[in-house]
Amino acid sequence: MDLTLLYKMSYGLYIVSSSSGDKKSGCIVNTVFQITAEPPSIAVSINKDNFTSELINESGKFVVSILTEDASTNLIGKFGFKSGRDIDKFKDVGYKIAGNNCPAVIEGTTVIIECEVVNQVDLFTHTLFLAKIINLETVGNGIPMTYDYYHKVRKGTASKNAPTYQAKVANIPIEKDVSKMSKYVCDICGYEYDPKTGDTEHGIPAGTAFEDISEDWVCPICGASKSSFSKITV
């Protein structure tokens, strides 16, 4: 069964954030959808191991930030591949305290949705939080990022806690680019460096071989060192 066909389903890319007491955190999710119009309500699926899930359970509230196509890879990497138990994800990130007292990421965001949990469903590794929308606010004018755009254009991958995560299958042939340069994959988050596109956001132009990148370059998604990359063999 080819699970990659599920990528054809329509998803967005969001940051869901919450707080409880002096604790706050947020994580990248792709499963957010409206379930009723009156009253307006949505559902959010979050891995039970995420610190954000713990805070939502404690506080019964959260904020959804709808990310835009130009959201930085650093922002996605911080909220998608690091834990709020270990770092302050909101340090050096544009955010504000929403009306429900949750931290709302406004950097790289078009709309924030303030929510109150009304019910939840246990779904194996994840919890589906059902919530009433208490406020909506436009905070930017960018184009909302779809999950398809994140994969195809931004070359992003899903974290192991994402509901759409799929472990990479070894020894699957991939098409080499015209220059015959090798692709490399981050052993930490699965980001693939493709010489055909480079990493222009961080000063690595298209056509640059991985071997020619400076040793102080880091993974644009999770911040892992260059030594954490492995050559993709075909």
Protein backbone atom coordinates (compact mmCIF):
# COMPACT_ATOMS: atom_id res chain seq x y z
CA MET A 1 0.00 0.00 0.00
CA ASP A 2 1.50 3.31 -1.11
CA LEU A 3 0.90 5.65 1.84
CA THR A 4 2.51 8.56 -0.04
CA LEU A 5 -0.76 8.80 -1.99
CA LEU A 6 -2.23 10.39 1.14
CA TYR A 7 -0.16 13.48 0.29
CA LYS A 8 -2.82 14.14 -2.37
CA MET A 9 -5.29 15.02 0.39
CA SER A 10 -5.62 18.72 1.08
CA TYR A 11 -3.89 19.93 4.25
CA GLY A 12 -2.55 23.21 5.50
CA LEU A 13 0.39 23.94 7.78
CA TYR A 14 -0.25 25.49 11.17
CA ILE A 15 1.28 26.23 14.55
CA VAL A 16 -0.97 25.26 17.46
CA SER A 17 0.06 26.90 20.72
CA SER A 18 -1.16 26.83 24.30
CA SER A 19 -0.20 27.81 27.83
CA SER A 20 -0.81 26.69 31.39
CA GLY A 21 0.42 28.83 34.27
CA ASP A 22 3.89 30.06 33.33
CA LYS A 23 4.38 27.25 30.79
CA LYS A 24 3.87 27.82 27.07
CA SER A 25 4.60 25.88 23.92
CA GLY A 26 3.50 25.28 20.36
CA CYS A 27 3.97 22.73 17.60
CA ILE A 28 3.57 22.38 13.86
CA VAL A 29 0.46 20.46 12.78
CA ASN A 30 -1.22 19.80 9.46
CA THR A 31 -4.52 18.36 10.69
CA VAL A 32 -6.84 21.28 11.43
CA PHE A 33 -10.34 21.41 9.97
CA GLN A 34 -13.68 23.14 10.50
CA ILE A 35 -16.44 20.87 11.78
CA THR A 36 -19.44 23.19 12.26
CA ALA A 37 -20.49 26.66 11.11
CA GLU A 38 -22.86 27.61 13.93
CA PRO A 39 -21.41 27.77 16.41
CA PRO A 40 -18.09 27.88 14.53
CA SER A 41 -15.86 25.04 15.65
CA ILE A 42 -12.74 23.22 14.53
CA ALA A 43 -10.84 20.01 15.27
CA VAL A 44 -7.08 19.68 15.80
CA SER A 45 -5.05 16.45 15.95
CA ILE A 46 -1.93 16.51 18.15
CA ASN A 47 0.45 13.75 19.20
CA LYS A 48 0.03 12.82 22.86
CA ASP A 49 3.81 13.06 23.42
CA ASN A 50 3.91 16.74 22.43
CA PHE A 51 4.29 19.25 25.25
CA THR A 52 1.61 21.33 23.53
CA SER A 53 -0.88 18.49 23.96
CA GLU A 54 -0.11 18.41 27.67
CA LEU A 55 -0.73 22.15 27.99
CA ILE A 56 -4.02 21.98 26.08
CA ASN A 57 -5.19 19.20 28.39
CA GLU A 58 -4.34 21.37 31.40
CA SER A 59 -5.78 24.67 30.17
CA GLY A 60 -8.54 23.65 27.75
CA LYS A 61 -7.53 26.34 25.25
CA PHE A 62 -5.24 26.92 22.29
CA VAL A 63 -4.53 29.17 19.31
CA VAL A 64 -4.08 28.10 15.69
CA SER A 65 -1.71 30.21 13.57
CA ILE A 66 -2.21 29.68 9.83
CA LEU A 67 1.28 29.76 8.31
CA THR A 68 2.07 31.46 5.02
CA GLU A 69 4.17 30.26 2.09
CA ASP A 70 6.96 32.65 3.09
CA ALA A 71 7.16 31.46 6.72
CA SER A 72 10.85 30.93 7.49
CA THR A 73 12.38 27.48 7.67
CA ASN A 74 13.82 28.45 11.05
CA LEU A 75 10.30 29.03 12.37
CA ILE A 76 9.09 25.70 10.98
CA GLY A 77 12.16 23.91 12.31
CA LYS A 78 11.84 25.35 15.81
CA PHE A 79 8.14 24.52 16.20
CA GLY A 80 8.24 21.30 14.17
CA PHE A 81 11.36 19.48 15.31
CA LYS A 82 12.22 20.80 18.79
CA SER A 83 10.45 20.31 22.13
CA GLY A 84 9.00 23.06 24.29
CA ARG A 85 10.17 21.03 27.28
CA ASP A 86 13.78 21.77 26.26
CA ILE A 87 13.70 25.29 24.80
CA ASP A 88 11.61 28.46 24.78
CA LYS A 89 10.19 28.20 21.28
CA PHE A 90 8.91 31.77 21.42
CA LYS A 91 12.32 33.34 22.00
CA ASP A 92 13.18 35.62 19.04
CA VAL A 93 9.84 34.79 17.40
CA GLY A 94 7.09 37.31 16.65
CA TYR A 95 4.10 36.46 18.84
CA LYS A 96 1.48 38.03 21.05
CA ILE A 97 -0.79 36.95 23.88
CA ALA A 98 -4.24 36.26 22.43
CA GLY A 99 -7.57 36.98 24.10
CA ASN A 100 -7.69 33.48 25.59
CA ASN A 101 -4.25 34.09 27.18
CA CYS A 102 -2.44 31.70 24.85
CA PRO A 103 0.73 32.76 22.99
CA ALA A 104 -0.13 33.25 19.32
CA VAL A 105 2.61 33.14 16.68
CA ILE A 106 2.10 36.08 14.30
CA GLU A 107 5.40 35.79 12.41
CA GLY A 108 4.93 34.09 9.04
CA THR A 109 1.20 33.93 9.79
CA THR A 110 -1.91 35.20 8.03
CA VAL A 111 -4.72 34.43 10.54
CA ILE A 112 -4.89 33.35 14.18
CA ILE A 113 -7.82 31.36 15.59
CA GLU A 114 -8.51 31.46 19.32
CA CYS A 115 -10.21 28.33 20.63
CA GLU A 116 -11.71 26.70 23.71
CA VAL A 117 -11.83 22.90 23.93
CA VAL A 118 -15.31 21.41 24.24
CA ASN A 119 -14.46 17.74 23.82
CA GLN A 120 -11.67 15.40 22.82
CA VAL A 121 -11.28 11.99 21.22
CA ASP A 122 -8.52 9.48 21.96
CA LEU A 123 -7.05 8.32 18.64
CA PHE A 124 -4.23 5.88 19.39
CA THR A 125 -1.05 8.04 19.28
CA HIS A 126 -2.97 11.33 18.95
CA THR A 127 -5.72 13.31 20.63
CA LEU A 128 -8.35 14.99 18.49
CA PHE A 129 -9.32 18.21 20.26
CA LEU A 130 -12.77 19.56 19.34
CA ALA A 131 -12.99 23.27 20.04
CA LYS A 132 -15.26 26.29 19.79
CA ILE A 133 -13.82 29.30 17.98
CA ILE A 134 -14.00 32.37 20.21
CA ASN A 135 -12.13 34.82 17.98
CA LEU A 136 -10.52 35.19 14.57
CA GLU A 137 -7.94 37.81 13.64
CA THR A 138 -5.98 38.67 10.50
CA VAL A 139 -2.32 39.33 11.30
CA GLY A 140 -0.72 39.12 7.83
CA ASN A 141 -1.45 39.08 4.10
CA GLY A 142 0.59 36.10 2.93
CA ILE A 143 -0.74 33.12 1.00
CA PRO A 144 -1.65 30.22 3.34
CA MET A 145 0.84 27.37 3.01
CA THR A 146 -0.55 24.02 1.96
CA TYR A 147 1.04 20.75 3.03
CA ASP A 148 1.63 19.94 -0.63
CA TYR A 149 3.54 23.24 -1.08
CA TYR A 150 5.58 22.47 2.05
CA HIS A 151 6.65 19.12 0.60
CA LYS A 152 7.14 20.01 -3.07
CA VAL A 153 8.41 23.60 -2.94
CA ARG A 154 9.91 23.98 0.51
CA LYS A 155 11.23 20.37 0.46
CA GLY A 156 9.94 19.91 4.01
CA THR A 157 9.28 16.67 5.85
CA ALA A 158 6.89 15.62 8.60
CA SER A 159 8.20 15.18 12.13
CA LYS A 160 7.90 11.72 13.68
CA ASN A 161 5.00 12.97 15.85
CA ALA A 162 2.93 14.22 12.91
CA PRO A 163 -0.18 12.21 11.95
CA THR A 164 1.08 12.15 8.36
CA TYR A 165 4.60 10.98 9.25
CA GLN A 166 5.94 8.18 7.05
CA ALA A 167 9.28 6.53 7.71
CA LYS A 168 11.60 6.65 4.73
CA VAL A 169 11.99 3.39 2.88
CA ALA A 170 15.61 2.51 2.18
CA ASN A 171 17.08 1.85 -1.25
CA ILE A 172 14.27 3.41 -3.28
CA PRO A 173 15.80 4.85 -6.46
CA ILE A 174 15.42 8.57 -6.98
CA GLU A 175 16.05 10.58 -10.07
CA LYS A 176 19.43 12.33 -10.20
CA ASP A 177 19.56 15.97 -11.18
CA VAL A 178 21.20 17.15 -14.39
CA SER A 179 24.54 17.95 -12.74
CA LYS A 180 24.79 14.40 -11.33
CA MET A 181 25.50 15.80 -7.88
CA SER A 182 24.37 13.69 -4.94
CA LYS A 183 21.52 14.60 -2.64
CA TYR A 184 21.99 14.42 1.12
CA VAL A 185 19.44 13.80 3.88
CA CYS A 186 19.42 15.09 7.45
CA ASP A 187 19.52 12.13 9.82
CA ILE A 188 17.62 14.14 12.44
CA CYS A 189 14.56 15.52 10.62
CA GLY A 190 14.68 14.01 7.13
CA TYR A 191 15.28 17.30 5.24
CA GLU A 192 16.83 16.59 1.85
CA TYR A 193 19.48 18.89 0.44
CA ASP A 194 19.14 18.96 -3.34
CA PRO A 195 22.00 20.65 -5.25
CA LYS A 196 19.54 21.47 -8.00
CA THR A 197 17.72 23.95 -5.74
CA GLY A 198 20.38 24.67 -3.11
CA ASP A 199 19.40 26.53 0.05
CA THR A 200 19.01 30.06 -1.27
CA GLU A 201 17.30 31.27 1.91
CA HIS A 202 20.60 30.69 3.73
CA GLY A 203 22.98 31.78 0.97
CA ILE A 204 23.58 28.45 -0.79
CA PRO A 205 22.80 29.01 -4.48
CA ALA A 206 21.29 26.40 -6.76
CA GLY A 207 23.94 24.20 -8.33
CA THR A 208 26.10 23.98 -5.19
CA ALA A 209 27.36 20.48 -4.36
CA PHE A 210 26.85 19.42 -0.76
CA GLU A 211 30.59 18.83 -0.43
CA ASP A 212 31.24 22.49 -1.31
CA ILE A 213 29.00 23.92 1.43
CA SER A 214 30.77 25.55 4.36
CA GLU A 215 31.20 23.29 7.39
CA ASP A 216 29.36 25.80 9.60
CA TRP A 217 26.15 25.43 7.54
CA VAL A 218 23.29 23.77 9.43
CA CYS A 219 20.06 22.04 8.44
CA PRO A 220 17.54 24.77 7.57
CA ILE A 221 14.72 22.78 9.19
CA CYS A 222 16.07 21.47 12.50
CA GLY A 223 19.45 23.18 12.87
CA ALA A 224 21.51 19.96 12.84
CA SER A 225 25.16 20.26 11.78
CA LYS A 226 26.38 19.37 8.31
CA SER A 227 27.97 16.23 9.78
CA SER A 228 24.46 14.96 10.58
CA PHE A 229 23.71 14.50 6.86
CA SER A 230 24.03 11.25 4.96
CA LYS A 231 24.50 10.79 1.23
CA ILE A 232 21.47 9.43 -0.59
CA THR A 233 22.57 6.52 -2.74
CA VAL A 234 20.76 5.49 -5.89
